[in-house]
Amino acid sequence: MNEDTVIKLENVSLKFRLQKEKSSSLKEFAIKLLSKKVSYINFYAIKNINLEIKKGESIGIIGRNGAGKTTLLRIIAGVYKPTEGKVFVKGKIMPIIELGAGFDMELTGAENIFINGLLLGMTRKEIEEKYEEIVEFSGLKDFINSPLRTYSSGMILRLGFSVATSLEPDIILLDEVFAVGDAEFREKCIKRMNEMKEKSATLLFVSHDMNAIKENCKKVIMLEKGEIKNVGDVNKIIENYNKIEK
């Protein structure tokens, strides 16, 4: 792998086995299964992906719902293991792929900072050192000792983003993080991402918001039915994509 390459995918595919005929109940499915009458089809969520991303690149990933955008991020993050092919990743990853992932809704915001930080690979000492900074950035000081179940989705986003970005990662994986939350916090997120990019962090950003993609990325990957349809300059690819969508 090239010295400047931080992510490389070689012939990567992810296949799921889906039941061909739907069962109306668990009992019906069990009977079919025991009588060996259950048939399956193979569904490729990601198919034959070859991709090489270099340190410091800012890349948007676009495509219709079901195109495989989030699945691709999850493969890179190590959440999914590909059915075929190889994935190489070099550096510390900050994945913000699923809102509230790794959080316990019955625990307080403060307790979740420690749990989420540990899940992201931080030591307890590192979390303690970063704690005040995390709370300050999130703007949730008045609510930090309340259970997470009392938080709005926007507040959970604030907390998750604040914990993850305190890591100073080498690779940032973002999935529709600006779909929730107010404009003021969105600006704080963009500012922090720009600070990380200035330190040569690599960004992969999934979004349906083409303006957000243009603001944060110089290059775009367009996915269609799990395959790379196009790769190139952000403005050219988005212009072509908008024509297709119309």
C-alpha atoms as a PDB file:
ATOM      1  CA  MET A   1       0.000   0.000   0.000  1.00  0.00           C
ATOM      2  CA  ASN A   2       1.297   3.464  -0.946  1.00  0.00           C
ATOM      3  CA  GLU A   3       2.759   5.459   1.958  1.00  0.00           C
ATOM      4  CA  ASP A   4       0.142   8.231   1.531  1.00  0.00           C
ATOM      5  CA  THR A   5      -2.771   5.779   1.252  1.00  0.00           C
ATOM      6  CA  VAL A   6      -4.907   5.491   4.403  1.00  0.00           C
ATOM      7  CA  ILE A   7      -7.849   3.479   3.006  1.00  0.00           C
ATOM      8  CA  LYS A   8      -7.728   0.829   0.297  1.00  0.00           C
ATOM      9  CA  LEU A   9     -10.480  -1.540  -0.832  1.00  0.00           C
ATOM     10  CA  GLU A  10      -9.690  -4.359  -3.241  1.00  0.00           C
ATOM     11  CA  ASN A  11     -12.619  -6.107  -4.989  1.00  0.00           C
ATOM     12  CA  VAL A  12     -14.809  -5.638  -1.920  1.00  0.00           C
ATOM     13  CA  SER A  13     -18.332  -7.060  -1.906  1.00  0.00           C
ATOM     14  CA  LEU A  14     -20.860  -7.580   0.875  1.00  0.00           C
ATOM     15  CA  LYS A  15     -23.531 -10.186   0.249  1.00  0.00           C
ATOM     16  CA  PHE A  16     -26.666 -10.829   2.280  1.00  0.00           C
ATOM     17  CA  ARG A  17     -28.898 -13.898   1.995  1.00  0.00           C
ATOM     18  CA  LEU A  18     -32.529 -12.824   1.815  1.00  0.00           C
ATOM     19  CA  GLN A  19     -35.542 -15.095   2.082  1.00  0.00           C
ATOM     20  CA  LYS A  20     -37.136 -15.367  -1.355  1.00  0.00           C
ATOM     21  CA  GLU A  21     -40.728 -15.796  -0.200  1.00  0.00           C
ATOM     22  CA  LYS A  22     -41.958 -13.912   2.833  1.00  0.00           C
ATOM     23  CA  SER A  23     -43.533 -15.919   5.667  1.00  0.00           C
ATOM     24  CA  SER A  24     -46.710 -14.581   7.243  1.00  0.00           C
ATOM     25  CA  SER A  25     -45.653 -15.748  10.713  1.00  0.00           C
ATOM     26  CA  LEU A  26     -42.767 -17.211  12.675  1.00  0.00           C
ATOM     27  CA  LYS A  27     -44.652 -20.531  12.806  1.00  0.00           C
ATOM     28  CA  GLU A  28     -44.938 -20.647   9.002  1.00  0.00           C
ATOM     29  CA  PHE A  29     -41.222 -19.838   8.658  1.00  0.00           C
ATOM     30  CA  ALA A  30     -40.295 -22.596  11.150  1.00  0.00           C
ATOM     31  CA  ILE A  31     -42.385 -25.160   9.238  1.00  0.00           C
ATOM     32  CA  LYS A  32     -40.784 -24.168   5.926  1.00  0.00           C
ATOM     33  CA  LEU A  33     -37.332 -24.267   7.491  1.00  0.00           C
ATOM     34  CA  LEU A  34     -37.833 -27.753   8.965  1.00  0.00           C
ATOM     35  CA  SER A  35     -39.235 -29.057   5.689  1.00  0.00           C
ATOM     36  CA  LYS A  36     -36.347 -27.407   3.820  1.00  0.00           C
ATOM     37  CA  LYS A  37     -38.721 -25.319   1.740  1.00  0.00           C
ATOM     38  CA  VAL A  38     -37.098 -21.985   2.536  1.00  0.00           C
ATOM     39  CA  SER A  39     -35.292 -20.544  -0.465  1.00  0.00           C
ATOM     40  CA  TYR A  40     -32.928 -17.606  -0.516  1.00  0.00           C
ATOM     41  CA  ILE A  41     -31.575 -15.066  -2.959  1.00  0.00           C
ATOM     42  CA  ASN A  42     -28.212 -13.315  -2.749  1.00  0.00           C
ATOM     43  CA  PHE A  43     -28.360  -9.546  -2.402  1.00  0.00           C
ATOM     44  CA  TYR A  44     -25.178  -7.525  -2.895  1.00  0.00           C
ATOM     45  CA  ALA A  45     -25.288  -4.368  -0.748  1.00  0.00           C
ATOM     46  CA  ILE A  46     -21.766  -3.562  -1.998  1.00  0.00           C
ATOM     47  CA  LYS A  47     -20.299  -5.104  -5.143  1.00  0.00           C
ATOM     48  CA  ASN A  48     -16.739  -5.140  -6.547  1.00  0.00           C
ATOM     49  CA  ILE A  49     -15.566  -1.922  -4.925  1.00  0.00           C
ATOM     50  CA  ASN A  50     -12.001  -0.874  -5.710  1.00  0.00           C
ATOM     51  CA  LEU A  51     -11.003   2.316  -3.959  1.00  0.00           C
ATOM     52  CA  GLU A  52      -7.854   4.051  -2.769  1.00  0.00           C
ATOM     53  CA  ILE A  53      -8.024   7.124  -0.546  1.00  0.00           C
ATOM     54  CA  LYS A  54      -4.991   9.177   0.396  1.00  0.00           C
ATOM     55  CA  LYS A  55      -4.185  11.054   3.570  1.00  0.00           C
ATOM     56  CA  GLY A  56      -5.902  14.447   3.780  1.00  0.00           C
ATOM     57  CA  GLU A  57      -8.494  13.826   1.046  1.00  0.00           C
ATOM     58  CA  SER A  58     -12.059  15.064   1.587  1.00  0.00           C
ATOM     59  CA  ILE A  59     -14.470  12.811  -0.267  1.00  0.00           C
ATOM     60  CA  GLY A  60     -18.260  12.946  -0.497  1.00  0.00           C
ATOM     61  CA  ILE A  61     -20.283   9.786  -1.081  1.00  0.00           C
ATOM     62  CA  ILE A  62     -23.630  10.268  -2.813  1.00  0.00           C
ATOM     63  CA  GLY A  63     -26.372   8.099  -4.268  1.00  0.00           C
ATOM     64  CA  ARG A  64     -30.028   7.241  -3.902  1.00  0.00           C
ATOM     65  CA  ASN A  65     -31.442   5.500  -0.838  1.00  0.00           C
ATOM     66  CA  GLY A  66     -30.236   1.894  -0.852  1.00  0.00           C
ATOM     67  CA  ALA A  67     -27.207   2.657  -3.041  1.00  0.00           C
ATOM     68  CA  GLY A  68     -24.835   1.300  -0.366  1.00  0.00           C
ATOM     69  CA  LYS A  69     -23.422   4.556   1.053  1.00  0.00           C
ATOM     70  CA  THR A  70     -23.767   3.773   4.758  1.00  0.00           C
ATOM     71  CA  THR A  71     -22.816   0.134   4.179  1.00  0.00           C
ATOM     72  CA  LEU A  72     -19.565   1.273   2.580  1.00  0.00           C
ATOM     73  CA  LEU A  73     -18.731   3.424   5.616  1.00  0.00           C
ATOM     74  CA  ARG A  74     -19.529   0.531   7.946  1.00  0.00           C
ATOM     75  CA  ILE A  75     -17.161  -1.757   6.025  1.00  0.00           C
ATOM     76  CA  ILE A  76     -14.369   0.823   6.294  1.00  0.00           C
ATOM     77  CA  ALA A  77     -15.111   1.298  10.014  1.00  0.00           C
ATOM     78  CA  GLY A  78     -14.940  -2.467  10.571  1.00  0.00           C
ATOM     79  CA  VAL A  79     -18.596  -2.806  11.593  1.00  0.00           C
ATOM     80  CA  TYR A  80     -19.208  -5.164   8.637  1.00  0.00           C
ATOM     81  CA  LYS A  81     -16.743  -7.730   7.375  1.00  0.00           C
ATOM     82  CA  PRO A  82     -16.850  -7.996   3.568  1.00  0.00           C
ATOM     83  CA  THR A  83     -17.987 -11.280   2.014  1.00  0.00           C
ATOM     84  CA  GLU A  84     -15.293 -10.909  -0.631  1.00  0.00           C
ATOM     85  CA  GLY A  85     -12.183  -8.771  -1.062  1.00  0.00           C
ATOM     86  CA  LYS A  86      -9.788  -6.988   1.269  1.00  0.00           C
ATOM     87  CA  VAL A  87      -9.949  -3.759   3.281  1.00  0.00           C
ATOM     88  CA  PHE A  88      -6.854  -1.884   4.463  1.00  0.00           C
ATOM     89  CA  VAL A  89      -7.145   1.041   6.880  1.00  0.00           C
ATOM     90  CA  LYS A  90      -4.233   2.977   8.389  1.00  0.00           C
ATOM     91  CA  GLY A  91      -4.824   5.359  11.296  1.00  0.00           C
ATOM     92  CA  LYS A  92      -7.336   6.178  14.020  1.00  0.00           C
ATOM     93  CA  ILE A  93     -10.949   6.249  12.770  1.00  0.00           C
ATOM     94  CA  MET A  94     -13.724   8.502  14.052  1.00  0.00           C
ATOM     95  CA  PRO A  95     -17.012   6.923  12.904  1.00  0.00           C
ATOM     96  CA  ILE A  96     -20.221   8.920  13.271  1.00  0.00           C
ATOM     97  CA  ILE A  97     -22.415   6.582  11.274  1.00  0.00           C
ATOM     98  CA  GLU A  98     -25.439   5.897  13.420  1.00  0.00           C
ATOM     99  CA  LEU A  99     -26.968   8.511  15.703  1.00  0.00           C
ATOM    100  CA  GLY A 100     -26.744   7.369  19.332  1.00  0.00           C
ATOM    101  CA  ALA A 101     -24.811   4.172  18.581  1.00  0.00           C
ATOM    102  CA  GLY A 102     -23.040   2.956  21.724  1.00  0.00           C
ATOM    103  CA  PHE A 103     -25.178   5.116  24.017  1.00  0.00           C
ATOM    104  CA  ASP A 104     -27.294   3.823  26.923  1.00  0.00           C
ATOM    105  CA  MET A 105     -30.524   5.822  27.056  1.00  0.00           C
ATOM    106  CA  GLU A 106     -31.009   5.138  30.793  1.00  0.00           C
ATOM    107  CA  LEU A 107     -27.628   6.567  31.785  1.00  0.00           C
ATOM    108  CA  THR A 108     -26.765  10.254  32.049  1.00  0.00           C
ATOM    109  CA  GLY A 109     -24.952  12.262  29.425  1.00  0.00           C
ATOM    110  CA  ALA A 110     -21.870  12.320  31.658  1.00  0.00           C
ATOM    111  CA  GLU A 111     -21.865   8.537  32.058  1.00  0.00           C
ATOM    112  CA  ASN A 112     -22.344   8.097  28.313  1.00  0.00           C
ATOM    113  CA  ILE A 113     -19.305  10.267  27.598  1.00  0.00           C
ATOM    114  CA  PHE A 114     -17.166   7.708  29.412  1.00  0.00           C
ATOM    115  CA  ILE A 115     -18.886   4.663  27.868  1.00  0.00           C
ATOM    116  CA  ASN A 116     -18.749   6.055  24.323  1.00  0.00           C
ATOM    117  CA  GLY A 117     -15.161   7.227  24.754  1.00  0.00           C
ATOM    118  CA  LEU A 118     -14.082   3.748  25.879  1.00  0.00           C
ATOM    119  CA  LEU A 119     -15.898   2.181  22.909  1.00  0.00           C
ATOM    120  CA  LEU A 120     -14.016   4.537  20.596  1.00  0.00           C
ATOM    121  CA  GLY A 121     -10.695   3.367  22.035  1.00  0.00           C
ATOM    122  CA  MET A 122      -9.933   6.160  24.523  1.00  0.00           C
ATOM    123  CA  THR A 123      -8.491   5.378  27.955  1.00  0.00           C
ATOM    124  CA  ARG A 124     -10.306   6.535  31.080  1.00  0.00           C
ATOM    125  CA  LYS A 125      -7.491   9.012  31.731  1.00  0.00           C
ATOM    126  CA  GLU A 126      -7.859  10.459  28.219  1.00  0.00           C
ATOM    127  CA  ILE A 127     -11.614  10.838  28.713  1.00  0.00           C
ATOM    128  CA  GLU A 128     -11.109  12.552  32.079  1.00  0.00           C
ATOM    129  CA  GLU A 129      -8.651  14.984  30.490  1.00  0.00           C
ATOM    130  CA  LYS A 130     -11.056  15.728  27.624  1.00  0.00           C
ATOM    131  CA  TYR A 131     -14.277  15.699  29.688  1.00  0.00           C
ATOM    132  CA  GLU A 132     -14.690  19.452  30.232  1.00  0.00           C
ATOM    133  CA  GLU A 133     -13.825  20.158  26.585  1.00  0.00           C
ATOM    134  CA  ILE A 134     -16.421  17.607  25.411  1.00  0.00           C
ATOM    135  CA  VAL A 135     -19.161  19.080  27.603  1.00  0.00           C
ATOM    136  CA  GLU A 136     -18.273  22.637  26.599  1.00  0.00           C
ATOM    137  CA  PHE A 137     -18.323  21.853  22.878  1.00  0.00           C
ATOM    138  CA  SER A 138     -21.632  19.987  23.126  1.00  0.00           C
ATOM    139  CA  GLY A 139     -23.333  22.928  24.873  1.00  0.00           C
ATOM    140  CA  LEU A 140     -25.118  20.432  27.146  1.00  0.00           C
ATOM    141  CA  LYS A 141     -23.701  21.480  30.530  1.00  0.00           C
ATOM    142  CA  ASP A 142     -27.170  22.076  32.015  1.00  0.00           C
ATOM    143  CA  PHE A 143     -28.358  18.609  30.929  1.00  0.00           C
ATOM    144  CA  ILE A 144     -25.204  16.517  31.309  1.00  0.00           C
ATOM    145  CA  ASN A 145     -26.431  14.785  34.495  1.00  0.00           C
ATOM    146  CA  SER A 146     -29.859  13.955  33.037  1.00  0.00           C
ATOM    147  CA  PRO A 147     -30.687  10.538  31.513  1.00  0.00           C
ATOM    148  CA  LEU A 148     -30.169  10.356  27.765  1.00  0.00           C
ATOM    149  CA  ARG A 149     -33.820   9.317  27.280  1.00  0.00           C
ATOM    150  CA  THR A 150     -34.744  12.928  28.123  1.00  0.00           C
ATOM    151  CA  TYR A 151     -32.537  14.261  25.296  1.00  0.00           C
ATOM    152  CA  SER A 152     -33.801  15.218  21.856  1.00  0.00           C
ATOM    153  CA  SER A 153     -32.212  13.599  18.789  1.00  0.00           C
ATOM    154  CA  GLY A 154     -30.307  16.843  18.184  1.00  0.00           C
ATOM    155  CA  MET A 155     -28.864  16.771  21.718  1.00  0.00           C
ATOM    156  CA  ILE A 156     -27.742  13.155  21.251  1.00  0.00           C
ATOM    157  CA  LEU A 157     -26.022  14.177  18.017  1.00  0.00           C
ATOM    158  CA  ARG A 158     -24.245  16.987  19.858  1.00  0.00           C
ATOM    159  CA  LEU A 159     -22.958  14.588  22.493  1.00  0.00           C
ATOM    160  CA  GLY A 160     -21.899  11.900  20.013  1.00  0.00           C
ATOM    161  CA  PHE A 161     -20.084  14.354  17.740  1.00  0.00           C
ATOM    162  CA  SER A 162     -18.373  16.045  20.705  1.00  0.00           C
ATOM    163  CA  VAL A 163     -17.033  12.760  22.105  1.00  0.00           C
ATOM    164  CA  ALA A 164     -15.895  11.385  18.752  1.00  0.00           C
ATOM    165  CA  THR A 165     -14.125  14.542  17.566  1.00  0.00           C
ATOM    166  CA  SER A 166     -12.205  14.868  20.840  1.00  0.00           C
ATOM    167  CA  LEU A 167     -10.144  11.891  19.590  1.00  0.00           C
ATOM    168  CA  GLU A 168      -8.263  13.989  16.991  1.00  0.00           C
ATOM    169  CA  PRO A 169      -8.647  11.156  14.463  1.00  0.00           C
ATOM    170  CA  ASP A 170      -6.747  10.403  11.270  1.00  0.00           C
ATOM    171  CA  ILE A 171      -9.920   9.354   9.412  1.00  0.00           C
ATOM    172  CA  ILE A 172     -13.407  10.853   9.833  1.00  0.00           C
ATOM    173  CA  LEU A 173     -16.487   8.899   8.688  1.00  0.00           C
ATOM    174  CA  LEU A 174     -19.666  10.980   8.728  1.00  0.00           C
ATOM    175  CA  ASP A 175     -23.145   9.831   7.753  1.00  0.00           C
ATOM    176  CA  GLU A 176     -25.847  12.530   7.469  1.00  0.00           C
ATOM    177  CA  VAL A 177     -24.681  14.187  10.686  1.00  0.00           C
ATOM    178  CA  PHE A 178     -26.112  17.559   9.662  1.00  0.00           C
ATOM    179  CA  ALA A 179     -29.617  16.197   9.119  1.00  0.00           C
ATOM    180  CA  VAL A 180     -30.299  16.748  12.816  1.00  0.00           C
ATOM    181  CA  GLY A 181     -29.385  19.750  14.941  1.00  0.00           C
ATOM    182  CA  ASP A 182     -29.544  23.527  14.772  1.00  0.00           C
ATOM    183  CA  ALA A 183     -27.645  25.854  12.452  1.00  0.00           C
ATOM    184  CA  GLU A 184     -25.353  27.139  15.203  1.00  0.00           C
ATOM    185  CA  PHE A 185     -24.108  23.659  16.118  1.00  0.00           C
ATOM    186  CA  ARG A 186     -23.793  22.778  12.435  1.00  0.00           C
ATOM    187  CA  GLU A 187     -21.351  25.680  12.035  1.00  0.00           C
ATOM    188  CA  LYS A 188     -19.382  24.452  15.059  1.00  0.00           C
ATOM    189  CA  CYS A 189     -19.186  20.975  13.483  1.00  0.00           C
ATOM    190  CA  ILE A 190     -17.940  22.364  10.173  1.00  0.00           C
ATOM    191  CA  LYS A 191     -15.351  24.511  11.945  1.00  0.00           C
ATOM    192  CA  ARG A 192     -14.063  21.516  13.913  1.00  0.00           C
ATOM    193  CA  MET A 193     -13.929  19.346  10.789  1.00  0.00           C
ATOM    194  CA  ASN A 194     -11.963  22.058   8.984  1.00  0.00           C
ATOM    195  CA  GLU A 195      -9.510  22.194  11.898  1.00  0.00           C
ATOM    196  CA  MET A 196      -9.022  18.422  11.649  1.00  0.00           C
ATOM    197  CA  LYS A 197      -8.618  18.604   7.860  1.00  0.00           C
ATOM    198  CA  GLU A 198      -5.931  21.267   8.348  1.00  0.00           C
ATOM    199  CA  LYS A 199      -4.081  18.633  10.378  1.00  0.00           C
ATOM    200  CA  SER A 200      -4.321  16.308   7.326  1.00  0.00           C
ATOM    201  CA  ALA A 201      -7.253  14.225   8.595  1.00  0.00           C
ATOM    202  CA  THR A 202      -9.073  12.273   5.868  1.00  0.00           C
ATOM    203  CA  LEU A 203     -12.837  12.838   5.504  1.00  0.00           C
ATOM    204  CA  LEU A 204     -15.491  10.533   4.042  1.00  0.00           C
ATOM    205  CA  PHE A 205     -18.876  12.242   4.131  1.00  0.00           C
ATOM    206  CA  VAL A 206     -22.204  10.629   3.205  1.00  0.00           C
ATOM    207  CA  SER A 207     -25.070  13.050   2.647  1.00  0.00           C
ATOM    208  CA  HIS A 208     -28.132  13.824   0.525  1.00  0.00           C
ATOM    209  CA  ASP A 209     -27.398  17.520   1.090  1.00  0.00           C
ATOM    210  CA  MET A 210     -25.419  18.471  -1.993  1.00  0.00           C
ATOM    211  CA  ASN A 211     -24.562  21.910  -0.573  1.00  0.00           C
ATOM    212  CA  ALA A 212     -22.992  20.267   2.494  1.00  0.00           C
ATOM    213  CA  ILE A 213     -21.017  17.958   0.197  1.00  0.00           C
ATOM    214  CA  LYS A 214     -19.768  20.955  -1.818  1.00  0.00           C
ATOM    215  CA  GLU A 215     -18.832  22.834   1.362  1.00  0.00           C
ATOM    216  CA  ASN A 216     -16.786  19.984   2.814  1.00  0.00           C
ATOM    217  CA  CYS A 217     -15.479  17.874  -0.083  1.00  0.00           C
ATOM    218  CA  LYS A 218     -13.314  18.296  -3.178  1.00  0.00           C
ATOM    219  CA  LYS A 219     -14.029  14.882  -4.665  1.00  0.00           C
ATOM    220  CA  VAL A 220     -17.168  12.739  -4.921  1.00  0.00           C
ATOM    221  CA  ILE A 221     -17.925   9.041  -5.268  1.00  0.00           C
ATOM    222  CA  MET A 222     -21.345   8.243  -6.706  1.00  0.00           C
ATOM    223  CA  LEU A 223     -22.782   4.834  -5.827  1.00  0.00           C
ATOM    224  CA  GLU A 224     -25.576   3.007  -7.629  1.00  0.00           C
ATOM    225  CA  LYS A 225     -26.910  -0.385  -6.509  1.00  0.00           C
ATOM    226  CA  GLY A 226     -23.796  -1.041  -4.450  1.00  0.00           C
ATOM    227  CA  GLU A 227     -21.310  -0.232  -7.213  1.00  0.00           C
ATOM    228  CA  ILE A 228     -19.184   2.817  -7.948  1.00  0.00           C
ATOM    229  CA  LYS A 229     -20.876   4.596 -10.837  1.00  0.00           C
ATOM    230  CA  ASN A 230     -18.646   7.654 -11.023  1.00  0.00           C
ATOM    231  CA  VAL A 231     -15.694   9.310  -9.245  1.00  0.00           C
ATOM    232  CA  GLY A 232     -14.350  12.800  -9.748  1.00  0.00           C
ATOM    233  CA  ASP A 233     -14.577  16.545  -9.166  1.00  0.00           C
ATOM    234  CA  VAL A 234     -17.330  17.487  -6.710  1.00  0.00           C
ATOM    235  CA  ASN A 235     -19.076  20.030  -8.961  1.00  0.00           C
ATOM    236  CA  LYS A 236     -19.065  17.864 -12.101  1.00  0.00           C
ATOM    237  CA  ILE A 237     -20.321  14.720 -10.364  1.00  0.00           C
ATOM    238  CA  ILE A 238     -23.062  16.551  -8.458  1.00  0.00           C
ATOM    239  CA  GLU A 239     -24.187  18.320 -11.651  1.00  0.00           C
ATOM    240  CA  ASN A 240     -24.524  14.937 -13.396  1.00  0.00           C
ATOM    241  CA  TYR A 241     -26.240  13.415 -10.367  1.00  0.00           C
ATOM    242  CA  ASN A 242     -28.802  16.220 -10.201  1.00  0.00           C
ATOM    243  CA  LYS A 243     -29.640  15.672 -13.878  1.00  0.00           C
ATOM    244  CA  ILE A 244     -30.256  11.966 -13.199  1.00  0.00           C
ATOM    245  CA  GLU A 245     -32.424  12.743 -10.147  1.00  0.00           C
ATOM    246  CA  LYS A 246     -34.606  15.093 -12.212  1.00  0.00           C
END
